[in-house]
PDB file of N, CA and C in Angstrom:
ATOM      1  N   UNK A   1      57.207-120.168 186.615  1.00  0.00           N
ATOM      2  CA  UNK A   1      57.362-121.442 185.934  1.00  0.00           C
ATOM      3  C   UNK A   1      56.266-121.674 184.902  1.00  0.00           C
ATOM      4  N   UNK A   2      56.604-122.219 183.774  1.00  0.00           N
ATOM      5  CA  UNK A   2      55.609-122.472 182.757  1.00  0.00           C
ATOM      6  C   UNK A   2      55.656-124.001 182.396  1.00  0.00           C
ATOM      7  N   UNK A   3      54.446-124.558 182.369  1.00  0.00           N
ATOM      8  CA  UNK A   3      54.286-125.962 181.979  1.00  0.00           C
ATOM      9  C   UNK A   3      53.625-125.977 180.604  1.00  0.00           C
ATOM     10  N   UNK A   4      54.126-126.762 179.685  1.00  0.00           N
ATOM     11  CA  UNK A   4      53.535-126.869 178.338  1.00  0.00           C
ATOM     12  C   UNK A   4      52.885-128.255 178.235  1.00  0.00           C
ATOM     13  N   UNK A   5      51.590-128.213 177.865  1.00  0.00           N
ATOM     14  CA  UNK A   5      50.855-129.478 177.665  1.00  0.00           C
ATOM     15  C   UNK A   5      50.650-129.632 176.145  1.00  0.00           C
ATOM     16  N   UNK A   6      51.483-130.538 175.566  1.00  0.00           N
ATOM     17  CA  UNK A   6      51.404-130.788 174.111  1.00  0.00           C
ATOM     18  C   UNK A   6      50.287-131.746 173.818  1.00  0.00           C
ATOM     19  N   UNK A   7      49.168-131.227 173.390  1.00  0.00           N
ATOM     20  CA  UNK A   7      48.001-132.057 173.162  1.00  0.00           C
ATOM     21  C   UNK A   7      48.149-133.050 172.012  1.00  0.00           C
ATOM     22  N   UNK A   8      49.017-132.755 171.120  1.00  0.00           N
ATOM     23  CA  UNK A   8      49.212-133.702 169.995  1.00  0.00           C
ATOM     24  C   UNK A   8      49.850-135.009 170.466  1.00  0.00           C
ATOM     25  N   UNK A   9      50.375-135.072 171.665  1.00  0.00           N
ATOM     26  CA  UNK A   9      50.899-136.324 172.186  1.00  0.00           C
ATOM     27  C   UNK A   9      49.777-137.324 172.494  1.00  0.00           C
ATOM     28  N   UNK A  10      48.542-136.844 172.545  1.00  0.00           N
ATOM     29  CA  UNK A  10      47.409-137.726 172.822  1.00  0.00           C
ATOM     30  C   UNK A  10      46.639-138.009 171.530  1.00  0.00           C
ATOM     31  N   UNK A  11      46.953-137.303 170.437  1.00  0.00           N
ATOM     32  CA  UNK A  11      46.309-137.533 169.174  1.00  0.00           C
ATOM     33  C   UNK A  11      46.107-136.275 168.361  1.00  0.00           C
ATOM     34  N   UNK A  12      45.756-136.415 167.092  1.00  0.00           N
ATOM     35  CA  UNK A  12      45.506-135.274 166.232  1.00  0.00           C
ATOM     36  C   UNK A  12      44.038-134.899 166.172  1.00  0.00           C
ATOM     37  N   UNK A  13      43.193-135.845 166.528  1.00  0.00           N
ATOM     38  CA  UNK A  13      41.745-135.558 166.607  1.00  0.00           C
ATOM     39  C   UNK A  13      41.307-135.985 168.019  1.00  0.00           C
ATOM     40  N   UNK A  14      40.932-135.010 168.804  1.00  0.00           N
ATOM     41  CA  UNK A  14      40.665-135.256 170.236  1.00  0.00           C
ATOM     42  C   UNK A  14      39.182-135.120 170.499  1.00  0.00           C
ATOM     43  N   UNK A  15      38.586-136.206 170.966  1.00  0.00           N
ATOM     44  CA  UNK A  15      37.116-136.164 171.116  1.00  0.00           C
ATOM     45  C   UNK A  15      36.566-136.783 172.382  1.00  0.00           C
ATOM     46  N   UNK A  16      37.383-137.531 173.105  1.00  0.00           N
ATOM     47  CA  UNK A  16      36.811-138.232 174.242  1.00  0.00           C
ATOM     48  C   UNK A  16      36.823-137.364 175.523  1.00  0.00           C
ATOM     49  N   UNK A  17      35.628-137.284 176.152  1.00  0.00           N
ATOM     50  CA  UNK A  17      35.532-136.500 177.390  1.00  0.00           C
ATOM     51  C   UNK A  17      36.439-137.078 178.453  1.00  0.00           C
ATOM     52  N   UNK A  18      36.560-138.407 178.510  1.00  0.00           N
ATOM     53  CA  UNK A  18      37.421-139.074 179.544  1.00  0.00           C
ATOM     54  C   UNK A  18      38.851-138.619 179.406  1.00  0.00           C
ATOM     55  N   UNK A  19      39.370-138.537 178.189  1.00  0.00           N
ATOM     56  CA  UNK A  19      40.760-138.087 177.979  1.00  0.00           C
ATOM     57  C   UNK A  19      40.894-136.636 178.484  1.00  0.00           C
ATOM     58  N   UNK A  20      39.929-135.795 178.180  1.00  0.00           N
ATOM     59  CA  UNK A  20      39.982-134.425 178.607  1.00  0.00           C
ATOM     60  C   UNK A  20      39.936-134.312 180.102  1.00  0.00           C
ATOM     61  N   UNK A  21      39.159-135.184 180.770  1.00  0.00           N
ATOM     62  CA  UNK A  21      39.101-135.182 182.233  1.00  0.00           C
ATOM     63  C   UNK A  21      40.472-135.403 182.835  1.00  0.00           C
ATOM     64  N   UNK A  22      41.200-136.387 182.282  1.00  0.00           N
ATOM     65  CA  UNK A  22      42.528-136.674 182.752  1.00  0.00           C
ATOM     66  C   UNK A  22      43.469-135.447 182.572  1.00  0.00           C
ATOM     67  N   UNK A  23      43.385-134.833 181.393  1.00  0.00           N
ATOM     68  CA  UNK A  23      44.225-133.693 181.070  1.00  0.00           C
ATOM     69  C   UNK A  23      43.850-132.463 181.899  1.00  0.00           C
ATOM     70  N   UNK A  24      42.592-132.319 182.199  1.00  0.00           N
ATOM     71  CA  UNK A  24      42.125-131.107 182.931  1.00  0.00           C
ATOM     72  C   UNK A  24      42.671-131.098 184.376  1.00  0.00           C
ATOM     73  N   UNK A  25      42.964-132.270 184.902  1.00  0.00           N
ATOM     74  CA  UNK A  25      43.536-132.294 186.239  1.00  0.00           C
ATOM     75  C   UNK A  25      44.950-131.645 186.215  1.00  0.00           C
ATOM     76  N   UNK A  26      45.679-131.768 185.132  1.00  0.00           N
ATOM     77  CA  UNK A  26      46.951-131.058 184.986  1.00  0.00           C
ATOM     78  C   UNK A  26      46.769-129.564 185.017  1.00  0.00           C
ATOM     79  N   UNK A  27      45.723-129.113 184.363  1.00  0.00           N
ATOM     80  CA  UNK A  27      45.470-127.672 184.309  1.00  0.00           C
ATOM     81  C   UNK A  27      45.082-127.172 185.674  1.00  0.00           C
ATOM     82  N   UNK A  28      44.222-127.861 186.350  1.00  0.00           N
ATOM     83  CA  UNK A  28      43.800-127.478 187.736  1.00  0.00           C
ATOM     84  C   UNK A  28      44.995-127.387 188.662  1.00  0.00           C
ATOM     85  N   UNK A  29      45.835-128.475 188.599  1.00  0.00           N
ATOM     86  CA  UNK A  29      47.010-128.542 189.493  1.00  0.00           C
ATOM     87  C   UNK A  29      47.977-127.394 189.209  1.00  0.00           C
ATOM     88  N   UNK A  30      48.179-127.049 187.937  1.00  0.00           N
ATOM     89  CA  UNK A  30      49.049-125.949 187.586  1.00  0.00           C
ATOM     90  C   UNK A  30      48.510-124.632 188.144  1.00  0.00           C
ATOM     91  N   UNK A  31      47.222-124.427 187.976  1.00  0.00           N
ATOM     92  CA  UNK A  31      46.615-123.213 188.462  1.00  0.00           C
ATOM     93  C   UNK A  31      46.737-123.107 189.960  1.00  0.00           C
ATOM     94  N   UNK A  32      46.443-124.217 190.653  1.00  0.00           N
ATOM     95  CA  UNK A  32      46.512-124.222 192.139  1.00  0.00           C
ATOM     96  C   UNK A  32      47.910-123.971 192.650  1.00  0.00           C
ATOM     97  N   UNK A  33      48.915-124.424 191.891  1.00  0.00           N
ATOM     98  CA  UNK A  33      50.313-124.232 192.319  1.00  0.00           C
ATOM     99  C   UNK A  33      50.891-122.945 191.721  1.00  0.00           C
ATOM    100  N   UNK A  34      50.010-122.118 191.128  1.00  0.00           N
ATOM    101  CA  UNK A  34      50.381-120.848 190.529  1.00  0.00           C
ATOM    102  C   UNK A  34      51.414-120.997 189.449  1.00  0.00           C
ATOM    103  N   UNK A  35      51.333-122.068 188.708  1.00  0.00           N
ATOM    104  CA  UNK A  35      52.155-122.292 187.549  1.00  0.00           C
ATOM    105  C   UNK A  35      51.365-121.945 186.292  1.00  0.00           C
ATOM    106  N   UNK A  36      51.990-121.208 185.384  1.00  0.00           N
ATOM    107  CA  UNK A  36      51.344-120.963 184.143  1.00  0.00           C
ATOM    108  C   UNK A  36      51.359-122.207 183.276  1.00  0.00           C
ATOM    109  N   UNK A  37      50.299-122.425 182.518  1.00  0.00           N
ATOM    110  CA  UNK A  37      50.263-123.616 181.669  1.00  0.00           C
ATOM    111  C   UNK A  37      49.910-123.182 180.240  1.00  0.00           C
ATOM    112  N   UNK A  38      50.585-123.755 179.257  1.00  0.00           N
ATOM    113  CA  UNK A  38      50.328-123.511 177.886  1.00  0.00           C
ATOM    114  C   UNK A  38      49.708-124.742 177.295  1.00  0.00           C
ATOM    115  N   UNK A  39      48.511-124.572 176.719  1.00  0.00           N
ATOM    116  CA  UNK A  39      47.869-125.705 176.009  1.00  0.00           C
ATOM    117  C   UNK A  39      48.257-125.578 174.533  1.00  0.00           C
ATOM    118  N   UNK A  40      49.203-126.428 174.104  1.00  0.00           N
ATOM    119  CA  UNK A  40      49.720-126.342 172.740  1.00  0.00           C
ATOM    120  C   UNK A  40      48.980-127.295 171.831  1.00  0.00           C
ATOM    121  N   UNK A  41      48.229-126.732 170.899  1.00  0.00           N
ATOM    122  CA  UNK A  41      47.462-127.505 169.913  1.00  0.00           C
ATOM    123  C   UNK A  41      48.180-127.772 168.643  1.00  0.00           C
ATOM    124  N   UNK A  42      49.503-127.569 168.590  1.00  0.00           N
ATOM    125  CA  UNK A  42      50.257-127.835 167.376  1.00  0.00           C
ATOM    126  C   UNK A  42      50.022-129.272 166.907  1.00  0.00           C
ATOM    127  N   UNK A  43      49.724-129.473 165.624  1.00  0.00           N
ATOM    128  CA  UNK A  43      49.481-130.769 165.051  1.00  0.00           C
ATOM    129  C   UNK A  43      48.174-131.424 165.500  1.00  0.00           C
ATOM    130  N   UNK A  44      47.274-130.674 166.152  1.00  0.00           N
ATOM    131  CA  UNK A  44      45.969-131.174 166.470  1.00  0.00           C
ATOM    132  C   UNK A  44      45.054-130.588 165.431  1.00  0.00           C
ATOM    133  N   UNK A  45      44.330-131.438 164.706  1.00  0.00           N
ATOM    134  CA  UNK A  45      43.450-131.031 163.635  1.00  0.00           C
ATOM    135  C   UNK A  45      42.091-130.622 164.115  1.00  0.00           C
ATOM    136  N   UNK A  46      41.580-131.321 165.115  1.00  0.00           N
ATOM    137  CA  UNK A  46      40.185-131.130 165.516  1.00  0.00           C
ATOM    138  C   UNK A  46      39.975-131.588 166.924  1.00  0.00           C
ATOM    139  N   UNK A  47      39.013-130.954 167.619  1.00  0.00           N
ATOM    140  CA  UNK A  47      38.532-131.397 168.941  1.00  0.00           C
ATOM    141  C   UNK A  47      37.022-131.373 168.920  1.00  0.00           C
ATOM    142  N   UNK A  48      36.436-132.203 169.797  1.00  0.00           N
ATOM    143  CA  UNK A  48      34.982-132.238 169.914  1.00  0.00           C
ATOM    144  C   UNK A  48      34.562-131.181 170.937  1.00  0.00           C
ATOM    145  N   UNK A  49      33.312-130.843 170.911  1.00  0.00           N
ATOM    146  CA  UNK A  49      32.805-129.848 171.879  1.00  0.00           C
ATOM    147  C   UNK A  49      32.829-130.436 173.277  1.00  0.00           C
ATOM    148  N   UNK A  50      32.633-131.740 173.407  1.00  0.00           N
ATOM    149  CA  UNK A  50      32.682-132.324 174.764  1.00  0.00           C
ATOM    150  C   UNK A  50      34.106-132.339 175.303  1.00  0.00           C
ATOM    151  N   UNK A  51      35.083-132.496 174.421  1.00  0.00           N
ATOM    152  CA  UNK A  51      36.475-132.447 174.822  1.00  0.00           C
ATOM    153  C   UNK A  51      36.832-131.001 175.257  1.00  0.00           C
ATOM    154  N   UNK A  52      36.431-130.031 174.505  1.00  0.00           N
ATOM    155  CA  UNK A  52      36.669-128.608 174.855  1.00  0.00           C
ATOM    156  C   UNK A  52      35.989-128.217 176.162  1.00  0.00           C
ATOM    157  N   UNK A  53      34.747-128.701 176.330  1.00  0.00           N
ATOM    158  CA  UNK A  53      33.978-128.423 177.550  1.00  0.00           C
ATOM    159  C   UNK A  53      34.725-128.967 178.750  1.00  0.00           C
ATOM    160  N   UNK A  54      35.159-130.207 178.699  1.00  0.00           N
ATOM    161  CA  UNK A  54      35.820-130.841 179.831  1.00  0.00           C
ATOM    162  C   UNK A  54      37.188-130.269 180.088  1.00  0.00           C
ATOM    163  N   UNK A  55      37.928-130.035 179.022  1.00  0.00           N
ATOM    164  CA  UNK A  55      39.338-129.590 179.169  1.00  0.00           C
ATOM    165  C   UNK A  55      39.418-128.108 179.556  1.00  0.00           C
ATOM    166  N   UNK A  56      38.565-127.256 179.013  1.00  0.00           N
ATOM    167  CA  UNK A  56      38.732-125.851 179.182  1.00  0.00           C
ATOM    168  C   UNK A  56      37.511-125.199 179.914  1.00  0.00           C
ATOM    169  N   UNK A  57      36.343-125.376 179.376  1.00  0.00           N
ATOM    170  CA  UNK A  57      35.190-124.622 179.893  1.00  0.00           C
ATOM    171  C   UNK A  57      34.896-124.947 181.345  1.00  0.00           C
ATOM    172  N   UNK A  58      34.893-126.183 181.730  1.00  0.00           N
ATOM    173  CA  UNK A  58      34.585-126.575 183.097  1.00  0.00           C
ATOM    174  C   UNK A  58      35.636-126.023 184.087  1.00  0.00           C
ATOM    175  N   UNK A  59      36.904-126.078 183.674  1.00  0.00           N
ATOM    176  CA  UNK A  59      37.981-125.572 184.519  1.00  0.00           C
ATOM    177  C   UNK A  59      37.861-124.030 184.657  1.00  0.00           C
ATOM    178  N   UNK A  60      37.568-123.377 183.548  1.00  0.00           N
ATOM    179  CA  UNK A  60      37.381-121.935 183.581  1.00  0.00           C
ATOM    180  C   UNK A  60      36.308-121.519 184.557  1.00  0.00           C
ATOM    181  N   UNK A  61      35.161-122.186 184.529  1.00  0.00           N
ATOM    182  CA  UNK A  61      34.089-121.862 185.422  1.00  0.00           C
ATOM    183  C   UNK A  61      34.475-122.196 186.889  1.00  0.00           C
ATOM    184  N   UNK A  62      35.176-123.321 187.065  1.00  0.00           N
ATOM    185  CA  UNK A  62      35.565-123.731 188.395  1.00  0.00           C
ATOM    186  C   UNK A  62      36.507-122.773 189.084  1.00  0.00           C
ATOM    187  N   UNK A  63      37.553-122.347 188.364  1.00  0.00           N
ATOM    188  CA  UNK A  63      38.583-121.450 188.965  1.00  0.00           C
ATOM    189  C   UNK A  63      38.298-119.963 188.794  1.00  0.00           C
ATOM    190  N   UNK A  64      37.368-119.650 187.895  1.00  0.00           N
ATOM    191  CA  UNK A  64      37.042-118.249 187.613  1.00  0.00           C
ATOM    192  C   UNK A  64      37.741-117.821 186.342  1.00  0.00           C
ATOM    193  N   UNK A  65      37.042-116.994 185.592  1.00  0.00           N
ATOM    194  CA  UNK A  65      37.542-116.547 184.296  1.00  0.00           C
ATOM    195  C   UNK A  65      38.878-115.795 184.410  1.00  0.00           C
ATOM    196  N   UNK A  66      38.948-114.825 185.376  1.00  0.00           N
ATOM    197  CA  UNK A  66      40.187-114.064 185.465  1.00  0.00           C
ATOM    198  C   UNK A  66      41.392-114.956 185.828  1.00  0.00           C
ATOM    199  N   UNK A  67      41.196-115.826 186.803  1.00  0.00           N
ATOM    200  CA  UNK A  67      42.262-116.753 187.184  1.00  0.00           C
ATOM    201  C   UNK A  67      42.690-117.626 185.994  1.00  0.00           C
ATOM    202  N   UNK A  68      41.732-118.167 185.293  1.00  0.00           N
ATOM    203  CA  UNK A  68      41.986-119.016 184.173  1.00  0.00           C
ATOM    204  C   UNK A  68      42.776-118.285 183.114  1.00  0.00           C
ATOM    205  N   UNK A  69      42.339-117.061 182.748  1.00  0.00           N
ATOM    206  CA  UNK A  69      43.020-116.301 181.711  1.00  0.00           C
ATOM    207  C   UNK A  69      44.391-115.825 182.108  1.00  0.00           C
ATOM    208  N   UNK A  70      44.597-115.626 183.387  1.00  0.00           N
ATOM    209  CA  UNK A  70      45.913-115.233 183.898  1.00  0.00           C
ATOM    210  C   UNK A  70      46.928-116.405 183.840  1.00  0.00           C
ATOM    211  N   UNK A  71      46.401-117.632 184.027  1.00  0.00           N
ATOM    212  CA  UNK A  71      47.302-118.781 184.151  1.00  0.00           C
ATOM    213  C   UNK A  71      47.385-119.719 182.954  1.00  0.00           C
ATOM    214  N   UNK A  72      46.418-119.636 182.085  1.00  0.00           N
ATOM    215  CA  UNK A  72      46.378-120.587 180.973  1.00  0.00           C
ATOM    216  C   UNK A  72      46.457-119.837 179.639  1.00  0.00           C
ATOM    217  N   UNK A  73      47.332-120.331 178.760  1.00  0.00           N
ATOM    218  CA  UNK A  73      47.440-119.756 177.437  1.00  0.00           C
ATOM    219  C   UNK A  73      47.192-120.880 176.401  1.00  0.00           C
ATOM    220  N   UNK A  74      46.527-120.493 175.350  1.00  0.00           N
ATOM    221  CA  UNK A  74      46.262-121.480 174.254  1.00  0.00           C
ATOM    222  C   UNK A  74      47.127-121.057 173.090  1.00  0.00           C
ATOM    223  N   UNK A  75      47.878-122.081 172.574  1.00  0.00           N
ATOM    224  CA  UNK A  75      48.840-121.831 171.524  1.00  0.00           C
ATOM    225  C   UNK A  75      48.596-122.770 170.337  1.00  0.00           C
ATOM    226  N   UNK A  76      48.761-122.269 169.137  1.00  0.00           N
ATOM    227  CA  UNK A  76      48.739-123.097 167.897  1.00  0.00           C
ATOM    228  C   UNK A  76      47.391-123.707 167.633  1.00  0.00           C
ATOM    229  N   UNK A  77      46.321-123.143 168.119  1.00  0.00           N
ATOM    230  CA  UNK A  77      44.988-123.709 167.829  1.00  0.00           C
ATOM    231  C   UNK A  77      44.521-123.114 166.492  1.00  0.00           C
ATOM    232  N   UNK A  78      44.053-124.040 165.621  1.00  0.00           N
ATOM    233  CA  UNK A  78      43.502-123.545 164.337  1.00  0.00           C
ATOM    234  C   UNK A  78      42.150-122.880 164.561  1.00  0.00           C
ATOM    235  N   UNK A  79      41.594-122.280 163.535  1.00  0.00           N
ATOM    236  CA  UNK A  79      40.329-121.542 163.683  1.00  0.00           C
ATOM    237  C   UNK A  79      39.154-122.443 164.105  1.00  0.00           C
ATOM    238  N   UNK A  80      39.148-123.680 163.628  1.00  0.00           N
ATOM    239  CA  UNK A  80      38.084-124.563 164.032  1.00  0.00           C
ATOM    240  C   UNK A  80      38.155-124.866 165.523  1.00  0.00           C
ATOM    241  N   UNK A  81      39.351-125.161 166.040  1.00  0.00           N
ATOM    242  CA  UNK A  81      39.549-125.442 167.445  1.00  0.00           C
ATOM    243  C   UNK A  81      39.164-124.219 168.284  1.00  0.00           C
ATOM    244  N   UNK A  82      39.596-123.036 167.846  1.00  0.00           N
ATOM    245  CA  UNK A  82      39.229-121.808 168.585  1.00  0.00           C
ATOM    246  C   UNK A  82      37.713-121.620 168.628  1.00  0.00           C
ATOM    247  N   UNK A  83      37.039-121.910 167.566  1.00  0.00           N
ATOM    248  CA  UNK A  83      35.572-121.797 167.533  1.00  0.00           C
ATOM    249  C   UNK A  83      34.935-122.758 168.517  1.00  0.00           C
ATOM    250  N   UNK A  84      35.377-124.012 168.511  1.00  0.00           N
ATOM    251  CA  UNK A  84      34.827-125.023 169.426  1.00  0.00           C
ATOM    252  C   UNK A  84      35.096-124.616 170.906  1.00  0.00           C
ATOM    253  N   UNK A  85      36.284-124.157 171.166  1.00  0.00           N
ATOM    254  CA  UNK A  85      36.609-123.733 172.545  1.00  0.00           C
ATOM    255  C   UNK A  85      35.690-122.581 172.978  1.00  0.00           C
ATOM    256  N   UNK A  86      35.590-121.570 172.121  1.00  0.00           N
ATOM    257  CA  UNK A  86      34.769-120.380 172.466  1.00  0.00           C
ATOM    258  C   UNK A  86      33.305-120.767 172.652  1.00  0.00           C
ATOM    259  N   UNK A  87      32.810-121.657 171.799  1.00  0.00           N
ATOM    260  CA  UNK A  87      31.449-122.100 171.884  1.00  0.00           C
ATOM    261  C   UNK A  87      31.199-122.886 173.203  1.00  0.00           C
ATOM    262  N   UNK A  88      32.137-123.734 173.566  1.00  0.00           N
ATOM    263  CA  UNK A  88      31.988-124.498 174.813  1.00  0.00           C
ATOM    264  C   UNK A  88      32.074-123.590 176.035  1.00  0.00           C
ATOM    265  N   UNK A  89      32.933-122.618 176.005  1.00  0.00           N
ATOM    266  CA  UNK A  89      32.941-121.648 177.099  1.00  0.00           C
ATOM    267  C   UNK A  89      31.669-120.867 177.239  1.00  0.00           C
ATOM    268  N   UNK A  90      31.170-120.370 176.116  1.00  0.00           N
ATOM    269  CA  UNK A  90      29.896-119.620 176.116  1.00  0.00           C
ATOM    270  C   UNK A  90      28.761-120.475 176.641  1.00  0.00           C
ATOM    271  N   UNK A  91      28.673-121.725 176.181  1.00  0.00           N
ATOM    272  CA  UNK A  91      27.568-122.585 176.676  1.00  0.00           C
ATOM    273  C   UNK A  91      27.681-122.813 178.150  1.00  0.00           C
ATOM    274  N   UNK A  92      28.859-123.071 178.649  1.00  0.00           N
ATOM    275  CA  UNK A  92      29.058-123.323 180.078  1.00  0.00           C
ATOM    276  C   UNK A  92      28.765-122.067 180.884  1.00  0.00           C
ATOM    277  N   UNK A  93      29.179-120.896 180.436  1.00  0.00           N
ATOM    278  CA  UNK A  93      28.899-119.662 181.165  1.00  0.00           C
ATOM    279  C   UNK A  93      27.410-119.340 181.134  1.00  0.00           C
ATOM    280  N   UNK A  94      26.724-119.650 180.068  1.00  0.00           N
ATOM    281  CA  UNK A  94      25.249-119.408 179.988  1.00  0.00           C
ATOM    282  C   UNK A  94      24.513-120.332 180.981  1.00  0.00           C
ATOM    283  N   UNK A  95      25.050-121.496 181.230  1.00  0.00           N
ATOM    284  CA  UNK A  95      24.374-122.407 182.159  1.00  0.00           C
ATOM    285  C   UNK A  95      24.386-121.884 183.575  1.00  0.00           C
ATOM    286  N   UNK A  96      25.368-121.111 183.955  1.00  0.00           N
ATOM    287  CA  UNK A  96      25.453-120.677 185.315  1.00  0.00           C
ATOM    288  C   UNK A  96      24.788-119.276 185.569  1.00  0.00           C
ATOM    289  N   UNK A  97      24.207-118.720 184.499  1.00  0.00           N
ATOM    290  CA  UNK A  97      23.570-117.426 184.674  1.00  0.00           C
ATOM    291  C   UNK A  97      22.166-117.586 185.224  1.00  0.00           C
TER     292      UNK A  97
END
């Protein structure tokens, strides 16, 4: 089963950590129930580093990189969003070393 989380339904510029906290529970629940989840960034122009940290990086560290990559796919992210996501993941991973 695949669940699609259309992030544009919450806005085109996503920056609030609280919003990401609410959405990240969907990601955790999907992973725990062994459901694949697609994070669809279509029509999202920008995200903040705190949003990316809360939505993706924290969950990745919590469930493990391999589990996260096996269950979560990122779709339609522009280059800016990809850069912010990668930066947030790297910062979070460096904290645990």
